[in-house]
């Protein structure tokens, strides 16, 4: 889609991160978070070498959080993205 000012795209990020929080006794709790994050993006070609993008998506968490009573749905949810790419397009 060279030459167009605005182009749509799809991005998918997959990996393992770490989710954490502090409980009522100020103890830090961290657990591994296998994730899948698909996003729909709009790319704005600002110049020949600069592109910015904005997007929305949904982060899916797989596995069981290490917190009693929590499920994967409790740490999955809506995402928003803003970014910039520099290079030759």
PDB file of N, CA and C in Angstrom:
ATOM      1  N   UNK A   1       0.815  -1.184   0.000  1.00  0.00           N
ATOM      2  CA  UNK A   1       0.000   0.000   0.000  1.00  0.00           C
ATOM      3  C   UNK A   1       0.862   1.252   0.000  1.00  0.00           C
ATOM      4  N   UNK A   2       1.941   1.207  -0.711  1.00  0.00           N
ATOM      5  CA  UNK A   2       2.831   2.354  -0.776  1.00  0.00           C
ATOM      6  C   UNK A   2       2.112   3.548  -1.384  1.00  0.00           C
ATOM      7  N   UNK A   3       2.410   4.733  -0.881  1.00  0.00           N
ATOM      8  CA  UNK A   3       1.807   5.948  -1.395  1.00  0.00           C
ATOM      9  C   UNK A   3       0.531   6.350  -0.681  1.00  0.00           C
ATOM     10  N   UNK A   4      -0.079   5.477   0.100  1.00  0.00           N
ATOM     11  CA  UNK A   4      -1.301   5.820   0.826  1.00  0.00           C
ATOM     12  C   UNK A   4      -0.946   6.475   2.147  1.00  0.00           C
ATOM     13  N   UNK A   5      -1.742   7.448   2.555  1.00  0.00           N
ATOM     14  CA  UNK A   5      -1.488   8.174   3.797  1.00  0.00           C
ATOM     15  C   UNK A   5      -1.895   7.373   5.021  1.00  0.00           C
ATOM     16  N   UNK A   6      -3.041   6.687   4.974  1.00  0.00           N
ATOM     17  CA  UNK A   6      -3.535   5.896   6.100  1.00  0.00           C
ATOM     18  C   UNK A   6      -3.772   4.468   5.621  1.00  0.00           C
ATOM     19  N   UNK A   7      -3.227   3.500   6.350  1.00  0.00           N
ATOM     20  CA  UNK A   7      -3.410   2.098   6.002  1.00  0.00           C
ATOM     21  C   UNK A   7      -3.766   1.290   7.251  1.00  0.00           C
ATOM     22  N   UNK A   8      -4.664   0.333   7.122  1.00  0.00           N
ATOM     23  CA  UNK A   8      -4.971  -0.544   8.260  1.00  0.00           C
ATOM     24  C   UNK A   8      -3.977  -1.708   8.301  1.00  0.00           C
ATOM     25  N   UNK A   9      -3.801  -2.283   9.481  1.00  0.00           N
ATOM     26  CA  UNK A   9      -2.985  -3.489   9.600  1.00  0.00           C
ATOM     27  C   UNK A   9      -3.420  -4.261  10.840  1.00  0.00           C
ATOM     28  N   UNK A  10      -2.951  -5.494  10.917  1.00  0.00           N
ATOM     29  CA  UNK A  10      -3.226  -6.360  12.057  1.00  0.00           C
ATOM     30  C   UNK A  10      -1.884  -6.737  12.676  1.00  0.00           C
ATOM     31  N   UNK A  11      -1.818  -6.709  13.987  1.00  0.00           N
ATOM     32  CA  UNK A  11      -0.611  -7.075  14.711  1.00  0.00           C
ATOM     33  C   UNK A  11      -0.975  -8.142  15.738  1.00  0.00           C
ATOM     34  N   UNK A  12      -0.102  -9.135  15.899  1.00  0.00           N
ATOM     35  CA  UNK A  12      -0.314 -10.165  16.914  1.00  0.00           C
ATOM     36  C   UNK A  12       0.982 -10.328  17.704  1.00  0.00           C
ATOM     37  N   UNK A  13       0.871 -10.159  19.011  1.00  0.00           N
ATOM     38  CA  UNK A  13       2.009 -10.359  19.897  1.00  0.00           C
ATOM     39  C   UNK A  13       1.723 -11.594  20.750  1.00  0.00           C
ATOM     40  N   UNK A  14       2.703 -12.481  20.857  1.00  0.00           N
ATOM     41  CA  UNK A  14       2.551 -13.673  21.686  1.00  0.00           C
ATOM     42  C   UNK A  14       3.811 -13.835  22.519  1.00  0.00           C
ATOM     43  N   UNK A  15       3.641 -14.291  23.750  1.00  0.00           N
ATOM     44  CA  UNK A  15       4.805 -14.499  24.599  1.00  0.00           C
ATOM     45  C   UNK A  15       4.417 -14.741  26.039  1.00  0.00           C
ATOM     46  N   UNK A  16       5.398 -14.581  26.911  1.00  0.00           N
ATOM     47  CA  UNK A  16       5.185 -14.756  28.341  1.00  0.00           C
ATOM     48  C   UNK A  16       5.660 -13.496  29.033  1.00  0.00           C
ATOM     49  N   UNK A  17       4.792 -12.930  29.849  1.00  0.00           N
ATOM     50  CA  UNK A  17       5.140 -11.754  30.632  1.00  0.00           C
ATOM     51  C   UNK A  17       4.980 -12.071  32.105  1.00  0.00           C
ATOM     52  N   UNK A  18       4.959 -11.038  32.917  1.00  0.00           N
ATOM     53  CA  UNK A  18       4.753 -11.218  34.355  1.00  0.00           C
ATOM     54  C   UNK A  18       3.727 -10.202  34.816  1.00  0.00           C
ATOM     55  N   UNK A  19       2.667 -10.691  35.404  1.00  0.00           N
ATOM     56  CA  UNK A  19       1.653  -9.818  35.989  1.00  0.00           C
ATOM     57  C   UNK A  19       1.917  -9.740  37.485  1.00  0.00           C
ATOM     58  N   UNK A  20       1.741  -8.568  38.059  1.00  0.00           N
ATOM     59  CA  UNK A  20       2.004  -8.427  39.479  1.00  0.00           C
ATOM     60  C   UNK A  20       1.065  -7.442  40.137  1.00  0.00           C
ATOM     61  N   UNK A  21       0.952  -7.540  41.440  1.00  0.00           N
ATOM     62  CA  UNK A  21       0.123  -6.632  42.224  1.00  0.00           C
ATOM     63  C   UNK A  21       0.607  -6.673  43.666  1.00  0.00           C
ATOM     64  N   UNK A  22       0.124  -5.759  44.457  1.00  0.00           N
ATOM     65  CA  UNK A  22       0.428  -5.729  45.884  1.00  0.00           C
ATOM     66  C   UNK A  22      -0.835  -6.063  46.648  1.00  0.00           C
ATOM     67  N   UNK A  23      -0.760  -7.026  47.576  1.00  0.00           N
ATOM     68  CA  UNK A  23      -1.949  -7.417  48.329  1.00  0.00           C
ATOM     69  C   UNK A  23      -2.150  -6.512  49.547  1.00  0.00           C
ATOM     70  N   UNK A  24      -3.166  -6.818  50.348  1.00  0.00           N
ATOM     71  CA  UNK A  24      -3.530  -5.955  51.472  1.00  0.00           C
ATOM     72  C   UNK A  24      -2.436  -5.851  52.528  1.00  0.00           C
ATOM     73  N   UNK A  25      -1.491  -6.775  52.562  1.00  0.00           N
ATOM     74  CA  UNK A  25      -0.392  -6.696  53.530  1.00  0.00           C
ATOM     75  C   UNK A  25       0.869  -6.082  52.913  1.00  0.00           C
ATOM     76  N   UNK A  26       0.717  -5.409  51.754  1.00  0.00           N
ATOM     77  CA  UNK A  26       1.825  -4.777  51.023  1.00  0.00           C
ATOM     78  C   UNK A  26       2.882  -5.770  50.545  1.00  0.00           C
ATOM     79  N   UNK A  27       2.491  -7.018  50.376  1.00  0.00           N
ATOM     80  CA  UNK A  27       3.389  -8.021  49.819  1.00  0.00           C
ATOM     81  C   UNK A  27       3.198  -8.066  48.306  1.00  0.00           C
ATOM     82  N   UNK A  28       4.307  -8.007  47.588  1.00  0.00           N
ATOM     83  CA  UNK A  28       4.241  -8.063  46.127  1.00  0.00           C
ATOM     84  C   UNK A  28       4.009  -9.501  45.690  1.00  0.00           C
ATOM     85  N   UNK A  29       3.086  -9.686  44.751  1.00  0.00           N
ATOM     86  CA  UNK A  29       2.789 -11.007  44.193  1.00  0.00           C
ATOM     87  C   UNK A  29       2.990 -10.915  42.685  1.00  0.00           C
ATOM     88  N   UNK A  30       3.727 -11.832  42.118  1.00  0.00           N
ATOM     89  CA  UNK A  30       3.991 -11.855  40.679  1.00  0.00           C
ATOM     90  C   UNK A  30       3.757 -13.272  40.180  1.00  0.00           C
ATOM     91  N   UNK A  31       3.116 -13.394  39.007  1.00  0.00           N
ATOM     92  CA  UNK A  31       2.930 -14.714  38.412  1.00  0.00           C
ATOM     93  C   UNK A  31       3.155 -14.638  36.915  1.00  0.00           C
ATOM     94  N   UNK A  32       3.646 -15.734  36.346  1.00  0.00           N
ATOM     95  CA  UNK A  32       3.902 -15.805  34.904  1.00  0.00           C
ATOM     96  C   UNK A  32       2.594 -15.663  34.141  1.00  0.00           C
ATOM     97  N   UNK A  33       2.656 -14.981  33.015  1.00  0.00           N
ATOM     98  CA  UNK A  33       1.450 -14.717  32.242  1.00  0.00           C
ATOM     99  C   UNK A  33       1.680 -15.047  30.766  1.00  0.00           C
ATOM    100  N   UNK A  34       1.358 -16.275  30.309  1.00  0.00           N
ATOM    101  CA  UNK A  34       1.397 -16.568  28.881  1.00  0.00           C
ATOM    102  C   UNK A  34       0.303 -15.747  28.186  1.00  0.00           C
ATOM    103  N   UNK A  35       0.671 -14.978  27.155  1.00  0.00           N
ATOM    104  CA  UNK A  35      -0.249 -14.009  26.560  1.00  0.00           C
ATOM    105  C   UNK A  35      -0.347 -14.147  25.051  1.00  0.00           C
ATOM    106  N   UNK A  36      -1.496 -13.734  24.524  1.00  0.00           N
ATOM    107  CA  UNK A  36      -1.720 -13.550  23.093  1.00  0.00           C
ATOM    108  C   UNK A  36      -2.472 -12.239  22.953  1.00  0.00           C
ATOM    109  N   UNK A  37      -1.940 -11.321  22.137  1.00  0.00           N
ATOM    110  CA  UNK A  37      -2.505  -9.975  22.044  1.00  0.00           C
ATOM    111  C   UNK A  37      -2.681  -9.552  20.581  1.00  0.00           C
ATOM    112  N   UNK A  38      -3.830  -9.853  19.959  1.00  0.00           N
ATOM    113  CA  UNK A  38      -4.088  -9.370  18.601  1.00  0.00           C
ATOM    114  C   UNK A  38      -4.608  -7.927  18.634  1.00  0.00           C
ATOM    115  N   UNK A  39      -4.147  -7.107  17.692  1.00  0.00           N
ATOM    116  CA  UNK A  39      -4.541  -5.696  17.612  1.00  0.00           C
ATOM    117  C   UNK A  39      -4.935  -5.330  16.191  1.00  0.00           C
ATOM    118  N   UNK A  40      -5.886  -4.420  16.056  1.00  0.00           N
ATOM    119  CA  UNK A  40      -6.220  -3.775  14.789  1.00  0.00           C
ATOM    120  C   UNK A  40      -5.620  -2.376  14.838  1.00  0.00           C
ATOM    121  N   UNK A  41      -4.821  -2.029  13.829  1.00  0.00           N
ATOM    122  CA  UNK A  41      -4.088  -0.766  13.833  1.00  0.00           C
ATOM    123  C   UNK A  41      -4.431   0.091  12.632  1.00  0.00           C
ATOM    124  N   UNK A  42      -4.341   1.403  12.819  1.00  0.00           N
ATOM    125  CA  UNK A  42      -4.356   2.358  11.714  1.00  0.00           C
ATOM    126  C   UNK A  42      -2.982   2.999  11.667  1.00  0.00           C
ATOM    127  N   UNK A  43      -2.324   2.893  10.516  1.00  0.00           N
ATOM    128  CA  UNK A  43      -0.989   3.466  10.323  1.00  0.00           C
ATOM    129  C   UNK A  43      -1.116   4.790   9.576  1.00  0.00           C
ATOM    130  N   UNK A  44      -0.451   5.811  10.084  1.00  0.00           N
ATOM    131  CA  UNK A  44      -0.467   7.132   9.473  1.00  0.00           C
ATOM    132  C   UNK A  44       0.941   7.442   8.980  1.00  0.00           C
ATOM    133  N   UNK A  45       1.092   7.535   7.655  1.00  0.00           N
ATOM    134  CA  UNK A  45       2.394   7.846   7.074  1.00  0.00           C
ATOM    135  C   UNK A  45       2.638   9.343   7.181  1.00  0.00           C
ATOM    136  N   UNK A  46       3.479   9.743   8.116  1.00  0.00           N
ATOM    137  CA  UNK A  46       3.766  11.157   8.355  1.00  0.00           C
ATOM    138  C   UNK A  46       4.771  11.667   7.334  1.00  0.00           C
ATOM    139  N   UNK A  47       5.779  10.864   7.038  1.00  0.00           N
ATOM    140  CA  UNK A  47       6.766  11.215   6.023  1.00  0.00           C
ATOM    141  C   UNK A  47       7.270   9.924   5.388  1.00  0.00           C
ATOM    142  N   UNK A  48       8.243  10.045   4.506  1.00  0.00           N
ATOM    143  CA  UNK A  48       8.800   8.868   3.843  1.00  0.00           C
ATOM    144  C   UNK A  48       9.490   7.932   4.835  1.00  0.00           C
ATOM    145  N   UNK A  49       9.930   8.461   5.976  1.00  0.00           N
ATOM    146  CA  UNK A  49      10.681   7.672   6.952  1.00  0.00           C
ATOM    147  C   UNK A  49      10.011   7.592   8.328  1.00  0.00           C
ATOM    148  N   UNK A  50       8.792   8.133   8.476  1.00  0.00           N
ATOM    149  CA  UNK A  50       8.124   8.131   9.779  1.00  0.00           C
ATOM    150  C   UNK A  50       6.677   7.697   9.633  1.00  0.00           C
ATOM    151  N   UNK A  51       6.295   6.707  10.428  1.00  0.00           N
ATOM    152  CA  UNK A  51       4.929   6.203  10.449  1.00  0.00           C
ATOM    153  C   UNK A  51       4.494   6.093  11.912  1.00  0.00           C
ATOM    154  N   UNK A  52       3.321   6.611  12.236  1.00  0.00           N
ATOM    155  CA  UNK A  52       2.766   6.443  13.579  1.00  0.00           C
ATOM    156  C   UNK A  52       1.521   5.568  13.460  1.00  0.00           C
ATOM    157  N   UNK A  53       1.187   4.872  14.546  1.00  0.00           N
ATOM    158  CA  UNK A  53       0.009   4.019  14.502  1.00  0.00           C
ATOM    159  C   UNK A  53      -0.758   4.093  15.817  1.00  0.00           C
ATOM    160  N   UNK A  54      -2.053   3.843  15.710  1.00  0.00           N
ATOM    161  CA  UNK A  54      -2.951   3.761  16.861  1.00  0.00           C
ATOM    162  C   UNK A  54      -3.795   2.512  16.662  1.00  0.00           C
ATOM    163  N   UNK A  55      -4.088   1.824  17.753  1.00  0.00           N
ATOM    164  CA  UNK A  55      -4.851   0.593  17.600  1.00  0.00           C
ATOM    165  C   UNK A  55      -5.554   0.164  18.867  1.00  0.00           C
ATOM    166  N   UNK A  56      -6.421  -0.823  18.690  1.00  0.00           N
ATOM    167  CA  UNK A  56      -7.136  -1.433  19.808  1.00  0.00           C
ATOM    168  C   UNK A  56      -7.025  -2.944  19.674  1.00  0.00           C
ATOM    169  N   UNK A  57      -7.173  -3.634  20.789  1.00  0.00           N
ATOM    170  CA  UNK A  57      -7.082  -5.085  20.756  1.00  0.00           C
ATOM    171  C   UNK A  57      -7.624  -5.695  22.029  1.00  0.00           C
ATOM    172  N   UNK A  58      -7.337  -6.967  22.189  1.00  0.00           N
ATOM    173  CA  UNK A  58      -7.770  -7.704  23.367  1.00  0.00           C
ATOM    174  C   UNK A  58      -6.627  -8.626  23.783  1.00  0.00           C
ATOM    175  N   UNK A  59      -6.202  -8.546  25.022  1.00  0.00           N
ATOM    176  CA  UNK A  59      -5.133  -9.406  25.523  1.00  0.00           C
ATOM    177  C   UNK A  59      -5.748 -10.636  26.174  1.00  0.00           C
ATOM    178  N   UNK A  60      -5.350 -11.809  25.668  1.00  0.00           N
ATOM    179  CA  UNK A  60      -5.805 -13.084  26.208  1.00  0.00           C
ATOM    180  C   UNK A  60      -4.718 -13.660  27.100  1.00  0.00           C
ATOM    181  N   UNK A  61      -5.061 -14.032  28.315  1.00  0.00           N
ATOM    182  CA  UNK A  61      -4.137 -14.687  29.242  1.00  0.00           C
ATOM    183  C   UNK A  61      -4.493 -16.165  29.299  1.00  0.00           C
ATOM    184  N   UNK A  62      -3.497 -17.017  29.171  1.00  0.00           N
ATOM    185  CA  UNK A  62      -3.718 -18.461  29.233  1.00  0.00           C
ATOM    186  C   UNK A  62      -3.026 -19.006  30.473  1.00  0.00           C
ATOM    187  N   UNK A  63      -3.632 -19.950  31.100  1.00  0.00           N
ATOM    188  CA  UNK A  63      -3.063 -20.516  32.310  1.00  0.00           C
ATOM    189  C   UNK A  63      -3.834 -20.032  33.525  1.00  0.00           C
ATOM    190  N   UNK A  64      -3.423 -20.462  34.669  1.00  0.00           N
ATOM    191  CA  UNK A  64      -4.108 -20.112  35.911  1.00  0.00           C
ATOM    192  C   UNK A  64      -3.267 -19.108  36.693  1.00  0.00           C
ATOM    193  N   UNK A  65      -3.797 -17.909  36.978  1.00  0.00           N
ATOM    194  CA  UNK A  65      -3.043 -16.964  37.817  1.00  0.00           C
ATOM    195  C   UNK A  65      -2.787 -17.577  39.190  1.00  0.00           C
ATOM    196  N   UNK A  66      -1.671 -17.226  39.796  1.00  0.00           N
ATOM    197  CA  UNK A  66      -1.313 -17.770  41.097  1.00  0.00           C
ATOM    198  C   UNK A  66      -1.994 -17.053  42.246  1.00  0.00           C
ATOM    199  N   UNK A  67      -3.249 -16.678  42.066  1.00  0.00           N
ATOM    200  CA  UNK A  67      -3.992 -15.960  43.094  1.00  0.00           C
ATOM    201  C   UNK A  67      -5.304 -16.695  43.323  1.00  0.00           C
ATOM    202  N   UNK A  68      -5.588 -17.033  44.567  1.00  0.00           N
ATOM    203  CA  UNK A  68      -6.801 -17.765  44.906  1.00  0.00           C
ATOM    204  C   UNK A  68      -8.032 -16.995  44.460  1.00  0.00           C
ATOM    205  N   UNK A  69      -8.914 -17.675  43.722  1.00  0.00           N
ATOM    206  CA  UNK A  69     -10.160 -17.063  43.273  1.00  0.00           C
ATOM    207  C   UNK A  69     -10.077 -16.336  41.948  1.00  0.00           C
ATOM    208  N   UNK A  70      -8.881 -16.144  41.400  1.00  0.00           N
ATOM    209  CA  UNK A  70      -8.744 -15.472  40.110  1.00  0.00           C
ATOM    210  C   UNK A  70      -8.752 -16.492  38.981  1.00  0.00           C
ATOM    211  N   UNK A  71      -9.242 -16.062  37.812  1.00  0.00           N
ATOM    212  CA  UNK A  71      -9.223 -16.888  36.607  1.00  0.00           C
ATOM    213  C   UNK A  71      -8.488 -16.134  35.517  1.00  0.00           C
ATOM    214  N   UNK A  72      -8.256 -16.798  34.388  1.00  0.00           N
ATOM    215  CA  UNK A  72      -7.609 -16.136  33.252  1.00  0.00           C
ATOM    216  C   UNK A  72      -8.402 -14.920  32.781  1.00  0.00           C
ATOM    217  N   UNK A  73      -9.731 -14.984  32.866  1.00  0.00           N
ATOM    218  CA  UNK A  73     -10.568 -13.860  32.435  1.00  0.00           C
ATOM    219  C   UNK A  73     -10.327 -12.610  33.283  1.00  0.00           C
ATOM    220  N   UNK A  74      -9.894 -12.779  34.523  1.00  0.00           N
ATOM    221  CA  UNK A  74      -9.636 -11.632  35.393  1.00  0.00           C
ATOM    222  C   UNK A  74      -8.418 -10.823  34.966  1.00  0.00           C
ATOM    223  N   UNK A  75      -7.488 -11.428  34.246  1.00  0.00           N
ATOM    224  CA  UNK A  75      -6.281 -10.713  33.810  1.00  0.00           C
ATOM    225  C   UNK A  75      -6.226 -10.563  32.292  1.00  0.00           C
ATOM    226  N   UNK A  76      -7.300 -10.904  31.604  1.00  0.00           N
ATOM    227  CA  UNK A  76      -7.430 -10.662  30.168  1.00  0.00           C
ATOM    228  C   UNK A  76      -8.240  -9.379  29.988  1.00  0.00           C
ATOM    229  N   UNK A  77      -8.076  -8.711  28.849  1.00  0.00           N
ATOM    230  CA  UNK A  77      -8.905  -7.537  28.647  1.00  0.00           C
ATOM    231  C   UNK A  77      -8.473  -6.652  27.497  1.00  0.00           C
ATOM    232  N   UNK A  78      -9.162  -5.527  27.386  1.00  0.00           N
ATOM    233  CA  UNK A  78      -8.988  -4.532  26.336  1.00  0.00           C
ATOM    234  C   UNK A  78      -7.586  -3.920  26.379  1.00  0.00           C
ATOM    235  N   UNK A  79      -7.020  -3.662  25.201  1.00  0.00           N
ATOM    236  CA  UNK A  79      -5.746  -2.956  25.105  1.00  0.00           C
ATOM    237  C   UNK A  79      -5.874  -1.809  24.107  1.00  0.00           C
ATOM    238  N   UNK A  80      -5.058  -0.811  24.288  1.00  0.00           N
ATOM    239  CA  UNK A  80      -4.935   0.303  23.355  1.00  0.00           C
ATOM    240  C   UNK A  80      -3.441   0.499  23.070  1.00  0.00           C
ATOM    241  N   UNK A  81      -3.119   0.847  21.842  1.00  0.00           N
ATOM    242  CA  UNK A  81      -1.716   0.979  21.458  1.00  0.00           C
ATOM    243  C   UNK A  81      -1.489   2.266  20.698  1.00  0.00           C
ATOM    244  N   UNK A  82      -0.371   2.905  20.970  1.00  0.00           N
ATOM    245  CA  UNK A  82       0.143   4.029  20.196  1.00  0.00           C
ATOM    246  C   UNK A  82       1.602   3.729  19.931  1.00  0.00           C
ATOM    247  N   UNK A  83       2.057   3.997  18.726  1.00  0.00           N
ATOM    248  CA  UNK A  83       3.450   3.694  18.432  1.00  0.00           C
ATOM    249  C   UNK A  83       3.980   4.479  17.269  1.00  0.00           C
ATOM    250  N   UNK A  84       5.267   4.312  17.040  1.00  0.00           N
ATOM    251  CA  UNK A  84       5.954   5.024  15.965  1.00  0.00           C
ATOM    252  C   UNK A  84       6.961   4.073  15.333  1.00  0.00           C
ATOM    253  N   UNK A  85       7.071   4.111  14.017  1.00  0.00           N
ATOM    254  CA  UNK A  85       8.048   3.317  13.294  1.00  0.00           C
ATOM    255  C   UNK A  85       8.895   4.282  12.471  1.00  0.00           C
ATOM    256  N   UNK A  86      10.203   4.074  12.510  1.00  0.00           N
ATOM    257  CA  UNK A  86      11.125   4.896  11.757  1.00  0.00           C
ATOM    258  C   UNK A  86      11.894   3.980  10.818  1.00  0.00           C
ATOM    259  N   UNK A  87      11.989   4.350   9.563  1.00  0.00           N
ATOM    260  CA  UNK A  87      12.699   3.532   8.580  1.00  0.00           C
ATOM    261  C   UNK A  87      12.204   3.862   7.182  1.00  0.00           C
ATOM    262  N   UNK A  88      12.544   3.020   6.249  1.00  0.00           N
ATOM    263  CA  UNK A  88      12.114   3.211   4.864  1.00  0.00           C
ATOM    264  C   UNK A  88      10.919   2.311   4.601  1.00  0.00           C
ATOM    265  N   UNK A  89       9.833   2.876   4.145  1.00  0.00           N
ATOM    266  CA  UNK A  89       8.600   2.118   3.929  1.00  0.00           C
ATOM    267  C   UNK A  89       8.264   2.023   2.465  1.00  0.00           C
TER     268      UNK A  89
END
